[in-house]
Amino acid sequence: MANLKVIAAQRVRARDALWEWTQRPLTLRRRVYFVPGFTDEYGRSCWGEAGSSALCLASQLPEVCTNPELATFVDFKAGGAPPRYENFIRFGADLARLVAQDRAGAAPAGGAAEVDIVCHSMGGLDTLAAIALLDDYPELGAPLLAGVRNVITFDTPFLGFAAASNPLFAKLKRMQRPDEPWLTSQLLAMETDSLRIAEVAQARDQFLSRVQAFWPRGADNAAGLLEVPHESASFGEREDFAPSNQAHYREYRPWDDTSHSGAKGLTRDPRAIVETLEILTAG
């Protein structure tokens, strides 16, 4: 059982660190893309809102960083609604195109600049697809996303989403989104025995070989409908990767007393926010 006193102390220290950074701001080292998950395709809700009084990444970046303009909160909606995509691979193609467009619009010397990517839930599958799977889908017209330094994932179901076939979960999502056929298709693509998840597993080493560091993180709470099991969110152990890639893998970290999403979700936990900013502002 989690020690709630220890957790409370960790959160206090994290909040203290954020306040100290308002006095001595950090600097993002690279352009960073925050990629939402399956339940957040309307926008950036998993990251919060800029200017909000609530503690979240979107509100903290302008407060603690000297260059928050380097942060892009990816928004997949088109015409006010999520795209009618069958699976996360098409979202990955959109992400790859977005980064390519940003690079094309940058100064000539910055054309090959590295980027960082922070992902929530299915957003990690989008990102893996952008980095390691697009070669298998030439019809999408999006080249593989290269030049990624750090990938940080929050509760990404790399080995499949256990709740994908849960009727209650599907009903809840239909209440939030009217595009039922596409929503159902995206859920099926994340089932543990789906062909798309099998592709993700096969691309494990290609993905890791194309990033400098992979930081999988998760919520240490298996009680909720949306919780992603540790073994799925971690994408395996270090020895599951080829020896040549293992140096890129940072150990999976579960955070106690938090959940997959919502007000107490992992992306809004001050401990996770502080660690994320530390990674993004490191050399």
C-alpha atoms as a PDB file:
ATOM      1  CA  MET A   1       0.000   0.000   0.000  1.00  0.00           C
ATOM      2  CA  ALA A   2       1.306   3.438  -0.903  1.00  0.00           C
ATOM      3  CA  ASN A   3       2.582   5.620   1.934  1.00  0.00           C
ATOM      4  CA  LEU A   4       0.354   8.677   1.603  1.00  0.00           C
ATOM      5  CA  LYS A   5       2.565  10.807   3.860  1.00  0.00           C
ATOM      6  CA  VAL A   6       5.565  10.137   1.643  1.00  0.00           C
ATOM      7  CA  ILE A   7       3.528  10.918  -1.481  1.00  0.00           C
ATOM      8  CA  ALA A   8       2.242  14.165   0.032  1.00  0.00           C
ATOM      9  CA  ALA A   9       5.817  15.187   0.870  1.00  0.00           C
ATOM     10  CA  GLN A  10       6.920  14.395  -2.705  1.00  0.00           C
ATOM     11  CA  ARG A  11       4.172  16.607  -4.079  1.00  0.00           C
ATOM     12  CA  VAL A  12       5.089  19.453  -1.745  1.00  0.00           C
ATOM     13  CA  ARG A  13       8.727  19.275  -2.873  1.00  0.00           C
ATOM     14  CA  ALA A  14       7.605  19.251  -6.510  1.00  0.00           C
ATOM     15  CA  ARG A  15       5.453  22.331  -6.007  1.00  0.00           C
ATOM     16  CA  ASP A  16       8.353  24.036  -4.236  1.00  0.00           C
ATOM     17  CA  ALA A  17      10.579  23.284  -7.229  1.00  0.00           C
ATOM     18  CA  LEU A  18       8.033  24.819  -9.601  1.00  0.00           C
ATOM     19  CA  TRP A  19       7.854  27.964  -7.471  1.00  0.00           C
ATOM     20  CA  GLU A  20      11.659  28.221  -7.364  1.00  0.00           C
ATOM     21  CA  TRP A  21      11.752  27.969 -11.148  1.00  0.00           C
ATOM     22  CA  THR A  22       9.451  30.969 -11.427  1.00  0.00           C
ATOM     23  CA  GLN A  23      12.292  32.916  -9.784  1.00  0.00           C
ATOM     24  CA  ARG A  24      15.056  31.238 -11.801  1.00  0.00           C
ATOM     25  CA  PRO A  25      13.394  30.078 -15.029  1.00  0.00           C
ATOM     26  CA  LEU A  26      14.512  27.050 -16.988  1.00  0.00           C
ATOM     27  CA  THR A  27      15.212  26.958 -20.722  1.00  0.00           C
ATOM     28  CA  LEU A  28      13.793  24.385 -23.125  1.00  0.00           C
ATOM     29  CA  ARG A  29      16.656  22.889 -25.108  1.00  0.00           C
ATOM     30  CA  ARG A  30      14.619  21.946 -28.156  1.00  0.00           C
ATOM     31  CA  ARG A  31      11.196  22.386 -29.681  1.00  0.00           C
ATOM     32  CA  VAL A  32       8.821  20.064 -27.831  1.00  0.00           C
ATOM     33  CA  TYR A  33       5.529  18.558 -28.971  1.00  0.00           C
ATOM     34  CA  PHE A  34       2.880  17.503 -26.462  1.00  0.00           C
ATOM     35  CA  VAL A  35       0.777  14.774 -28.068  1.00  0.00           C
ATOM     36  CA  PRO A  36      -2.692  14.038 -26.601  1.00  0.00           C
ATOM     37  CA  GLY A  37      -4.222  10.610 -26.313  1.00  0.00           C
ATOM     38  CA  PHE A  38      -7.355   8.871 -27.520  1.00  0.00           C
ATOM     39  CA  THR A  39      -9.687  10.739 -25.161  1.00  0.00           C
ATOM     40  CA  ASP A  40      -8.104  14.119 -25.904  1.00  0.00           C
ATOM     41  CA  GLU A  41      -8.171  14.367 -29.687  1.00  0.00           C
ATOM     42  CA  TYR A  42     -10.282  17.516 -29.427  1.00  0.00           C
ATOM     43  CA  GLY A  43      -7.237  19.357 -28.087  1.00  0.00           C
ATOM     44  CA  ARG A  44      -4.903  19.674 -25.191  1.00  0.00           C
ATOM     45  CA  SER A  45      -7.133  18.817 -22.232  1.00  0.00           C
ATOM     46  CA  CYS A  46      -4.742  16.217 -20.825  1.00  0.00           C
ATOM     47  CA  TRP A  47      -2.092  18.951 -20.564  1.00  0.00           C
ATOM     48  CA  GLY A  48      -4.478  21.576 -19.157  1.00  0.00           C
ATOM     49  CA  GLU A  49      -4.935  25.088 -20.475  1.00  0.00           C
ATOM     50  CA  ALA A  50      -2.548  28.030 -20.658  1.00  0.00           C
ATOM     51  CA  GLY A  51      -3.424  30.671 -18.095  1.00  0.00           C
ATOM     52  CA  SER A  52      -5.354  28.216 -15.963  1.00  0.00           C
ATOM     53  CA  SER A  53      -5.079  28.447 -12.192  1.00  0.00           C
ATOM     54  CA  ALA A  54      -4.959  24.649 -12.072  1.00  0.00           C
ATOM     55  CA  LEU A  55      -1.575  22.976 -11.935  1.00  0.00           C
ATOM     56  CA  CYS A  56      -0.813  21.585 -15.377  1.00  0.00           C
ATOM     57  CA  LEU A  57       1.943  21.595 -17.971  1.00  0.00           C
ATOM     58  CA  ALA A  58       0.211  24.140 -20.191  1.00  0.00           C
ATOM     59  CA  SER A  59      -0.093  26.653 -17.359  1.00  0.00           C
ATOM     60  CA  GLN A  60       3.359  26.014 -15.898  1.00  0.00           C
ATOM     61  CA  LEU A  61       5.480  26.318 -19.040  1.00  0.00           C
ATOM     62  CA  PRO A  62       5.046  30.115 -19.388  1.00  0.00           C
ATOM     63  CA  GLU A  63       5.716  30.498 -15.664  1.00  0.00           C
ATOM     64  CA  VAL A  64       8.891  28.461 -15.331  1.00  0.00           C
ATOM     65  CA  CYS A  65      10.514  28.534 -18.797  1.00  0.00           C
ATOM     66  CA  THR A  66      12.234  31.381 -20.611  1.00  0.00           C
ATOM     67  CA  ASN A  67      11.112  30.138 -24.046  1.00  0.00           C
ATOM     68  CA  PRO A  68       7.645  28.550 -23.803  1.00  0.00           C
ATOM     69  CA  GLU A  69       7.066  29.430 -27.466  1.00  0.00           C
ATOM     70  CA  LEU A  70       9.041  26.284 -28.313  1.00  0.00           C
ATOM     71  CA  ALA A  71       6.204  24.145 -26.933  1.00  0.00           C
ATOM     72  CA  THR A  72       3.481  22.946 -29.306  1.00  0.00           C
ATOM     73  CA  PHE A  73       0.342  21.328 -27.905  1.00  0.00           C
ATOM     74  CA  VAL A  74      -0.706  19.114 -30.793  1.00  0.00           C
ATOM     75  CA  ASP A  75      -4.354  19.393 -31.782  1.00  0.00           C
ATOM     76  CA  PHE A  76      -5.656  16.717 -34.141  1.00  0.00           C
ATOM     77  CA  LYS A  77      -9.134  18.099 -34.633  1.00  0.00           C
ATOM     78  CA  ALA A  78     -10.166  19.046 -38.159  1.00  0.00           C
ATOM     79  CA  GLY A  79     -13.216  21.201 -38.718  1.00  0.00           C
ATOM     80  CA  GLY A  80     -14.086  21.062 -35.033  1.00  0.00           C
ATOM     81  CA  ALA A  81     -14.085  17.276 -34.715  1.00  0.00           C
ATOM     82  CA  PRO A  82     -11.453  14.542 -34.429  1.00  0.00           C
ATOM     83  CA  PRO A  83     -10.277  13.105 -37.749  1.00  0.00           C
ATOM     84  CA  ARG A  84     -12.087  10.041 -39.021  1.00  0.00           C
ATOM     85  CA  TYR A  85      -9.075   7.791 -38.744  1.00  0.00           C
ATOM     86  CA  GLU A  86      -9.107   4.024 -38.343  1.00  0.00           C
ATOM     87  CA  ASN A  87      -6.139   3.819 -36.024  1.00  0.00           C
ATOM     88  CA  PHE A  88      -3.218   5.589 -34.392  1.00  0.00           C
ATOM     89  CA  ILE A  89      -0.972   5.191 -37.440  1.00  0.00           C
ATOM     90  CA  ARG A  90      -2.801   7.946 -39.312  1.00  0.00           C
ATOM     91  CA  PHE A  91      -2.468  10.218 -36.302  1.00  0.00           C
ATOM     92  CA  GLY A  92       1.258   9.411 -36.381  1.00  0.00           C
ATOM     93  CA  ALA A  93       1.423  10.506 -40.022  1.00  0.00           C
ATOM     94  CA  ASP A  94      -0.174  13.833 -39.066  1.00  0.00           C
ATOM     95  CA  LEU A  95       2.387  14.283 -36.295  1.00  0.00           C
ATOM     96  CA  ALA A  96       5.276  13.579 -38.679  1.00  0.00           C
ATOM     97  CA  ARG A  97       3.885  16.107 -41.180  1.00  0.00           C
ATOM     98  CA  LEU A  98       3.482  18.743 -38.471  1.00  0.00           C
ATOM     99  CA  VAL A  99       7.103  18.451 -37.359  1.00  0.00           C
ATOM    100  CA  ALA A 100       8.303  18.481 -40.977  1.00  0.00           C
ATOM    101  CA  GLN A 101       6.287  21.649 -41.677  1.00  0.00           C
ATOM    102  CA  ASP A 102       7.706  23.343 -38.597  1.00  0.00           C
ATOM    103  CA  ARG A 103      11.222  22.457 -39.648  1.00  0.00           C
ATOM    104  CA  ALA A 104      10.612  23.727 -43.163  1.00  0.00           C
ATOM    105  CA  GLY A 105       9.469  27.046 -41.735  1.00  0.00           C
ATOM    106  CA  ALA A 106      12.475  27.372 -39.434  1.00  0.00           C
ATOM    107  CA  ALA A 107      15.730  29.147 -40.198  1.00  0.00           C
ATOM    108  CA  PRO A 108      17.912  27.220 -42.670  1.00  0.00           C
ATOM    109  CA  ALA A 109      20.385  26.239 -39.970  1.00  0.00           C
ATOM    110  CA  GLY A 110      17.561  24.723 -37.933  1.00  0.00           C
ATOM    111  CA  GLY A 111      16.285  22.384 -40.610  1.00  0.00           C
ATOM    112  CA  ALA A 112      17.694  19.286 -38.939  1.00  0.00           C
ATOM    113  CA  ALA A 113      17.150  20.445 -35.364  1.00  0.00           C
ATOM    114  CA  GLU A 114      16.265  17.772 -32.834  1.00  0.00           C
ATOM    115  CA  VAL A 115      12.878  17.775 -31.098  1.00  0.00           C
ATOM    116  CA  ASP A 116      11.421  16.283 -27.934  1.00  0.00           C
ATOM    117  CA  ILE A 117       8.000  14.634 -27.709  1.00  0.00           C
ATOM    118  CA  VAL A 118       5.814  14.178 -24.618  1.00  0.00           C
ATOM    119  CA  CYS A 119       2.851  11.827 -25.020  1.00  0.00           C
ATOM    120  CA  HIS A 120      -0.241  10.803 -23.124  1.00  0.00           C
ATOM    121  CA  SER A 121      -1.904   7.433 -23.631  1.00  0.00           C
ATOM    122  CA  MET A 122      -2.567   6.703 -27.340  1.00  0.00           C
ATOM    123  CA  GLY A 123      -0.386   9.713 -28.149  1.00  0.00           C
ATOM    124  CA  GLY A 124       2.602   7.466 -27.480  1.00  0.00           C
ATOM    125  CA  LEU A 125       1.353   5.041 -30.121  1.00  0.00           C
ATOM    126  CA  ASP A 126       0.922   7.963 -32.529  1.00  0.00           C
ATOM    127  CA  THR A 127       4.523   8.938 -31.831  1.00  0.00           C
ATOM    128  CA  LEU A 128       5.935   5.440 -32.231  1.00  0.00           C
ATOM    129  CA  ALA A 129       4.081   5.150 -35.538  1.00  0.00           C
ATOM    130  CA  ALA A 130       5.580   8.462 -36.702  1.00  0.00           C
ATOM    131  CA  ILE A 131       9.089   7.333 -35.767  1.00  0.00           C
ATOM    132  CA  ALA A 132       9.063   3.658 -36.744  1.00  0.00           C
ATOM    133  CA  LEU A 133       6.018   2.546 -38.787  1.00  0.00           C
ATOM    134  CA  LEU A 134       5.348   5.019 -41.598  1.00  0.00           C
ATOM    135  CA  ASP A 135       7.691   3.238 -44.028  1.00  0.00           C
ATOM    136  CA  ASP A 136       5.097   0.461 -44.085  1.00  0.00           C
ATOM    137  CA  TYR A 137       2.371   2.932 -45.124  1.00  0.00           C
ATOM    138  CA  PRO A 138       3.668   4.827 -48.189  1.00  0.00           C
ATOM    139  CA  GLU A 139       0.087   5.662 -49.164  1.00  0.00           C
ATOM    140  CA  LEU A 140      -0.034   8.118 -46.258  1.00  0.00           C
ATOM    141  CA  GLY A 141       2.685  10.212 -47.895  1.00  0.00           C
ATOM    142  CA  ALA A 142       4.493  10.966 -44.635  1.00  0.00           C
ATOM    143  CA  PRO A 143       8.195  10.165 -44.149  1.00  0.00           C
ATOM    144  CA  LEU A 144       9.446   8.715 -40.896  1.00  0.00           C
ATOM    145  CA  LEU A 145       9.953  11.307 -38.188  1.00  0.00           C
ATOM    146  CA  ALA A 146      13.699  11.639 -37.545  1.00  0.00           C
ATOM    147  CA  GLY A 147      15.757  13.769 -35.198  1.00  0.00           C
ATOM    148  CA  VAL A 148      13.833  12.969 -32.022  1.00  0.00           C
ATOM    149  CA  ARG A 149      15.948  13.236 -28.891  1.00  0.00           C
ATOM    150  CA  ASN A 150      13.585  12.454 -25.991  1.00  0.00           C
ATOM    151  CA  VAL A 151      10.262  10.619 -25.986  1.00  0.00           C
ATOM    152  CA  ILE A 152       8.391  10.766 -22.685  1.00  0.00           C
ATOM    153  CA  THR A 153       5.224   8.681 -22.447  1.00  0.00           C
ATOM    154  CA  PHE A 154       2.484   8.783 -19.814  1.00  0.00           C
ATOM    155  CA  ASP A 155       0.492   5.542 -19.600  1.00  0.00           C
ATOM    156  CA  THR A 156       0.863   4.570 -23.251  1.00  0.00           C
ATOM    157  CA  PRO A 157      -0.547   1.059 -23.905  1.00  0.00           C
ATOM    158  CA  PHE A 158       2.356  -0.196 -26.015  1.00  0.00           C
ATOM    159  CA  LEU A 159       1.228  -3.801 -25.547  1.00  0.00           C
ATOM    160  CA  GLY A 160      -2.470  -3.041 -25.933  1.00  0.00           C
ATOM    161  CA  PHE A 161      -5.246  -1.314 -24.026  1.00  0.00           C
ATOM    162  CA  ALA A 162      -7.133  -3.726 -21.784  1.00  0.00           C
ATOM    163  CA  ALA A 163     -10.273  -1.551 -21.692  1.00  0.00           C
ATOM    164  CA  ALA A 164     -10.505  -1.271 -25.486  1.00  0.00           C
ATOM    165  CA  SER A 165     -13.137  -4.020 -25.663  1.00  0.00           C
ATOM    166  CA  ASN A 166     -14.966  -2.931 -22.510  1.00  0.00           C
ATOM    167  CA  PRO A 167     -18.585  -2.007 -23.452  1.00  0.00           C
ATOM    168  CA  LEU A 168     -18.857   0.538 -20.622  1.00  0.00           C
ATOM    169  CA  PHE A 169     -15.732   2.347 -21.805  1.00  0.00           C
ATOM    170  CA  ALA A 170     -17.006   2.415 -25.396  1.00  0.00           C
ATOM    171  CA  LYS A 171     -20.345   3.801 -24.195  1.00  0.00           C
ATOM    172  CA  LEU A 172     -18.643   6.553 -22.195  1.00  0.00           C
ATOM    173  CA  LYS A 173     -16.557   7.569 -25.188  1.00  0.00           C
ATOM    174  CA  ARG A 174     -19.603   7.614 -27.494  1.00  0.00           C
ATOM    175  CA  MET A 175     -21.244  10.057 -25.104  1.00  0.00           C
ATOM    176  CA  GLN A 176     -18.260  12.396 -25.557  1.00  0.00           C
ATOM    177  CA  ARG A 177     -17.686  11.845 -29.266  1.00  0.00           C
ATOM    178  CA  PRO A 178     -20.311  11.480 -32.012  1.00  0.00           C
ATOM    179  CA  ASP A 179     -18.040   9.682 -34.511  1.00  0.00           C
ATOM    180  CA  GLU A 180     -18.878   6.178 -33.299  1.00  0.00           C
ATOM    181  CA  PRO A 181     -17.647   4.111 -36.281  1.00  0.00           C
ATOM    182  CA  TRP A 182     -14.235   5.746 -36.176  1.00  0.00           C
ATOM    183  CA  LEU A 183     -14.032   5.639 -32.412  1.00  0.00           C
ATOM    184  CA  THR A 184     -14.810   1.927 -32.470  1.00  0.00           C
ATOM    185  CA  SER A 185     -12.160   1.354 -35.113  1.00  0.00           C
ATOM    186  CA  GLN A 186      -9.547   3.206 -33.078  1.00  0.00           C
ATOM    187  CA  LEU A 187     -10.432   1.140 -30.021  1.00  0.00           C
ATOM    188  CA  LEU A 188     -10.139  -2.108 -31.968  1.00  0.00           C
ATOM    189  CA  ALA A 189      -6.709  -1.039 -33.180  1.00  0.00           C
ATOM    190  CA  MET A 190      -5.564  -0.838 -29.554  1.00  0.00           C
ATOM    191  CA  GLU A 191      -6.830  -4.223 -28.388  1.00  0.00           C
ATOM    192  CA  THR A 192      -4.077  -6.396 -26.973  1.00  0.00           C
ATOM    193  CA  ASP A 193      -4.349  -8.954 -29.782  1.00  0.00           C
ATOM    194  CA  SER A 194      -4.789  -6.473 -32.647  1.00  0.00           C
ATOM    195  CA  LEU A 195      -2.589  -6.415 -35.735  1.00  0.00           C
ATOM    196  CA  ARG A 196      -1.665  -2.784 -35.067  1.00  0.00           C
ATOM    197  CA  ILE A 197      -0.348  -3.594 -31.581  1.00  0.00           C
ATOM    198  CA  ALA A 198       1.572  -6.525 -33.098  1.00  0.00           C
ATOM    199  CA  GLU A 199       3.197  -4.023 -35.477  1.00  0.00           C
ATOM    200  CA  VAL A 200       4.133  -1.844 -32.517  1.00  0.00           C
ATOM    201  CA  ALA A 201       5.795  -4.793 -30.783  1.00  0.00           C
ATOM    202  CA  GLN A 202       7.754  -5.688 -33.924  1.00  0.00           C
ATOM    203  CA  ALA A 203       8.941  -2.081 -34.275  1.00  0.00           C
ATOM    204  CA  ARG A 204      10.272  -1.936 -30.701  1.00  0.00           C
ATOM    205  CA  ASP A 205      13.940  -1.825 -31.661  1.00  0.00           C
ATOM    206  CA  GLN A 206      13.536   0.407 -34.699  1.00  0.00           C
ATOM    207  CA  PHE A 207      11.733   2.917 -32.495  1.00  0.00           C
ATOM    208  CA  LEU A 208      14.386   2.845 -29.774  1.00  0.00           C
ATOM    209  CA  SER A 209      17.246   3.067 -32.266  1.00  0.00           C
ATOM    210  CA  ARG A 210      15.821   6.318 -33.673  1.00  0.00           C
ATOM    211  CA  VAL A 211      15.566   8.242 -30.393  1.00  0.00           C
ATOM    212  CA  GLN A 212      18.261   9.298 -27.946  1.00  0.00           C
ATOM    213  CA  ALA A 213      16.227   8.494 -24.835  1.00  0.00           C
ATOM    214  CA  PHE A 214      12.868   6.864 -24.150  1.00  0.00           C
ATOM    215  CA  TRP A 215      11.239   7.656 -20.796  1.00  0.00           C
ATOM    216  CA  PRO A 216       8.136   5.485 -20.168  1.00  0.00           C
ATOM    217  CA  ARG A 217       6.041   6.561 -17.179  1.00  0.00           C
ATOM    218  CA  GLY A 218       2.780   5.322 -15.720  1.00  0.00           C
ATOM    219  CA  ALA A 219       0.160   5.619 -13.002  1.00  0.00           C
ATOM    220  CA  ASP A 220       0.471   3.141 -10.137  1.00  0.00           C
ATOM    221  CA  ASN A 221      -3.255   2.524  -9.921  1.00  0.00           C
ATOM    222  CA  ALA A 222      -4.867  -0.532 -11.480  1.00  0.00           C
ATOM    223  CA  ALA A 223      -8.351   0.037 -10.101  1.00  0.00           C
ATOM    224  CA  GLY A 224      -9.853   2.407 -12.667  1.00  0.00           C
ATOM    225  CA  LEU A 225     -11.479   1.566 -15.980  1.00  0.00           C
ATOM    226  CA  LEU A 226      -8.845   3.495 -17.949  1.00  0.00           C
ATOM    227  CA  GLU A 227      -5.740   2.277 -16.123  1.00  0.00           C
ATOM    228  CA  VAL A 228      -2.987   0.860 -18.315  1.00  0.00           C
ATOM    229  CA  PRO A 229      -1.174  -2.150 -16.797  1.00  0.00           C
ATOM    230  CA  HIS A 230       2.466  -1.556 -15.948  1.00  0.00           C
ATOM    231  CA  GLU A 231       3.736  -4.227 -18.300  1.00  0.00           C
ATOM    232  CA  SER A 232       1.905  -2.535 -21.174  1.00  0.00           C
ATOM    233  CA  ALA A 233       2.909   1.052 -20.342  1.00  0.00           C
ATOM    234  CA  SER A 234       6.564   0.133 -19.777  1.00  0.00           C
ATOM    235  CA  PHE A 235       6.953  -1.452 -23.253  1.00  0.00           C
ATOM    236  CA  GLY A 236       8.888  -4.278 -21.619  1.00  0.00           C
ATOM    237  CA  GLU A 237      12.114  -4.506 -19.663  1.00  0.00           C
ATOM    238  CA  ARG A 238      15.522  -3.266 -20.737  1.00  0.00           C
ATOM    239  CA  GLU A 239      16.600  -6.771 -21.785  1.00  0.00           C
ATOM    240  CA  ASP A 240      13.635  -6.971 -24.170  1.00  0.00           C
ATOM    241  CA  PHE A 241      15.439  -4.510 -26.454  1.00  0.00           C
ATOM    242  CA  ALA A 242      18.447  -5.288 -28.619  1.00  0.00           C
ATOM    243  CA  PRO A 243      21.739  -4.769 -26.712  1.00  0.00           C
ATOM    244  CA  SER A 244      22.705  -1.957 -29.092  1.00  0.00           C
ATOM    245  CA  ASN A 245      19.556  -0.031 -28.110  1.00  0.00           C
ATOM    246  CA  GLN A 246      19.394  -0.634 -24.379  1.00  0.00           C
ATOM    247  CA  ALA A 247      21.351   2.524 -23.512  1.00  0.00           C
ATOM    248  CA  HIS A 248      18.453   4.563 -24.962  1.00  0.00           C
ATOM    249  CA  TYR A 249      15.916   3.010 -22.578  1.00  0.00           C
ATOM    250  CA  ARG A 250      15.276   4.797 -19.293  1.00  0.00           C
ATOM    251  CA  GLU A 251      13.699   2.667 -16.609  1.00  0.00           C
ATOM    252  CA  TYR A 252       9.925   2.698 -16.366  1.00  0.00           C
ATOM    253  CA  ARG A 253       8.672   4.748 -13.433  1.00  0.00           C
ATOM    254  CA  PRO A 254       5.205   4.288 -11.892  1.00  0.00           C
ATOM    255  CA  TRP A 255       3.803   7.207  -9.881  1.00  0.00           C
ATOM    256  CA  ASP A 256       1.783   6.306  -6.774  1.00  0.00           C
ATOM    257  CA  ASP A 257      -1.634   7.766  -5.923  1.00  0.00           C
ATOM    258  CA  THR A 258      -2.461   9.067  -9.372  1.00  0.00           C
ATOM    259  CA  SER A 259      -4.522   7.856 -12.300  1.00  0.00           C
ATOM    260  CA  HIS A 260      -4.538   7.662 -16.082  1.00  0.00           C
ATOM    261  CA  SER A 261      -6.444  10.898 -16.668  1.00  0.00           C
ATOM    262  CA  GLY A 262      -8.669  13.528 -15.123  1.00  0.00           C
ATOM    263  CA  ALA A 263      -8.023  16.074 -12.382  1.00  0.00           C
ATOM    264  CA  LYS A 264      -5.822  13.589 -10.510  1.00  0.00           C
ATOM    265  CA  GLY A 265      -4.309  12.257 -13.706  1.00  0.00           C
ATOM    266  CA  LEU A 266      -0.631  11.579 -14.235  1.00  0.00           C
ATOM    267  CA  THR A 267      -0.116  14.497 -16.612  1.00  0.00           C
ATOM    268  CA  ARG A 268      -1.266  16.911 -13.868  1.00  0.00           C
ATOM    269  CA  ASP A 269       0.693  15.386 -11.015  1.00  0.00           C
ATOM    270  CA  PRO A 270       3.333  17.928  -9.841  1.00  0.00           C
ATOM    271  CA  ARG A 271       5.939  15.179  -9.478  1.00  0.00           C
ATOM    272  CA  ALA A 272       5.532  14.133 -13.104  1.00  0.00           C
ATOM    273  CA  ILE A 273       5.429  17.763 -14.268  1.00  0.00           C
ATOM    274  CA  VAL A 274       8.712  18.522 -12.501  1.00  0.00           C
ATOM    275  CA  GLU A 275      10.439  15.440 -13.902  1.00  0.00           C
ATOM    276  CA  THR A 276       9.211  16.232 -17.411  1.00  0.00           C
ATOM    277  CA  LEU A 277      10.552  19.779 -17.219  1.00  0.00           C
ATOM    278  CA  GLU A 278      13.864  18.516 -15.893  1.00  0.00           C
ATOM    279  CA  ILE A 279      14.213  16.213 -18.890  1.00  0.00           C
ATOM    280  CA  LEU A 280      13.175  18.873 -21.406  1.00  0.00           C
ATOM    281  CA  THR A 281      15.588  21.461 -20.004  1.00  0.00           C
ATOM    282  CA  ALA A 282      18.586  19.172 -19.522  1.00  0.00           C
ATOM    283  CA  GLY A 283      21.581  19.492 -21.853  1.00  0.00           C
END
